[in-house]
Every structure is written in C-alpha cells, then in structure tokens.
Amino acid sequence: MQAILARMAALSVTDQGAFTVTRDRAAPEGAAPGPRLSG
C-alpha cells in the first residue's frame, strides 16, 4: 500500500509540474500556439 501511495503521490506531483510548466509557457506565447493548433 505504501508503494502504491508513493507512486500516486509522485504521479500527482509530476502532473502538477507539467501543468504549471505548460501554463507558464503558454502565458507569454499564448497567441503563437493557439492559431497553430486551431488552424
């Protein structure tokens, strides 16, 4: 159980880190990837 909880905790941390990184990158360059993805 401890191993499973540790893995879930690690995944949650990595997911939050990825989301924060993508948000930080999308903030200054929000206009660039938007049209590319939609177009």
C-alpha atoms as a PDB file:
ATOM      1  CA  MET A   1       0.000   0.000   0.000  1.00  0.00           C
ATOM      2  CA  GLN A   2       2.790   2.420   0.843  1.00  0.00           C
ATOM      3  CA  ALA A   3       4.416   1.818  -2.538  1.00  0.00           C
ATOM      4  CA  ILE A   4       1.132   2.478  -4.340  1.00  0.00           C
ATOM      5  CA  LEU A   5       0.543   5.662  -2.356  1.00  0.00           C
ATOM      6  CA  ALA A   6       4.095   6.779  -3.080  1.00  0.00           C
ATOM      7  CA  ARG A   7       3.617   6.178  -6.808  1.00  0.00           C
ATOM      8  CA  MET A   8       0.313   8.054  -6.844  1.00  0.00           C
ATOM      9  CA  ALA A   9       1.913  10.935  -4.949  1.00  0.00           C
ATOM     10  CA  ALA A  10       4.807  11.042  -7.428  1.00  0.00           C
ATOM     11  CA  LEU A  11       2.409  10.992 -10.381  1.00  0.00           C
ATOM     12  CA  SER A  12       0.323  13.791  -8.897  1.00  0.00           C
ATOM     13  CA  VAL A  13       3.449  15.876  -8.365  1.00  0.00           C
ATOM     14  CA  THR A  14       4.675  15.293 -11.916  1.00  0.00           C
ATOM     15  CA  ASP A  15       1.223  16.066 -13.327  1.00  0.00           C
ATOM     16  CA  GLN A  16       1.046  19.331 -11.393  1.00  0.00           C
ATOM     17  CA  GLY A  17       4.554  20.205 -12.540  1.00  0.00           C
ATOM     18  CA  ALA A  18       3.656  19.532 -16.165  1.00  0.00           C
ATOM     19  CA  PHE A  19       0.501  21.627 -15.909  1.00  0.00           C
ATOM     20  CA  THR A  20       2.362  24.525 -14.313  1.00  0.00           C
ATOM     21  CA  VAL A  21       5.117  24.342 -16.945  1.00  0.00           C
ATOM     22  CA  THR A  22       2.620  24.304 -19.811  1.00  0.00           C
ATOM     23  CA  ARG A  23       0.717  27.207 -18.273  1.00  0.00           C
ATOM     24  CA  ASP A  24       3.910  29.206 -17.770  1.00  0.00           C
ATOM     25  CA  ARG A  25       4.966  28.540 -21.362  1.00  0.00           C
ATOM     26  CA  ALA A  26       1.515  29.282 -22.762  1.00  0.00           C
ATOM     27  CA  ALA A  27       1.169  32.567 -20.863  1.00  0.00           C
ATOM     28  CA  PRO A  28       3.849  34.592 -22.736  1.00  0.00           C
ATOM     29  CA  GLU A  29       3.394  32.696 -26.001  1.00  0.00           C
ATOM     30  CA  GLY A  30      -0.356  32.151 -25.796  1.00  0.00           C
ATOM     31  CA  ALA A  31      -1.026  33.723 -29.209  1.00  0.00           C
ATOM     32  CA  ALA A  32       1.579  31.614 -31.032  1.00  0.00           C
ATOM     33  CA  PRO A  33       0.418  28.015 -30.318  1.00  0.00           C
ATOM     34  CA  GLY A  34      -3.294  28.926 -30.358  1.00  0.00           C
ATOM     35  CA  PRO A  35      -3.686  29.622 -34.099  1.00  0.00           C
ATOM     36  CA  ARG A  36      -1.315  26.762 -34.975  1.00  0.00           C
ATOM     37  CA  LEU A  37      -3.388  24.209 -33.049  1.00  0.00           C
ATOM     38  CA  SER A  38      -6.720  25.584 -34.301  1.00  0.00           C
ATOM     39  CA  GLY A  39      -5.535  26.036 -37.878  1.00  0.00           C
END
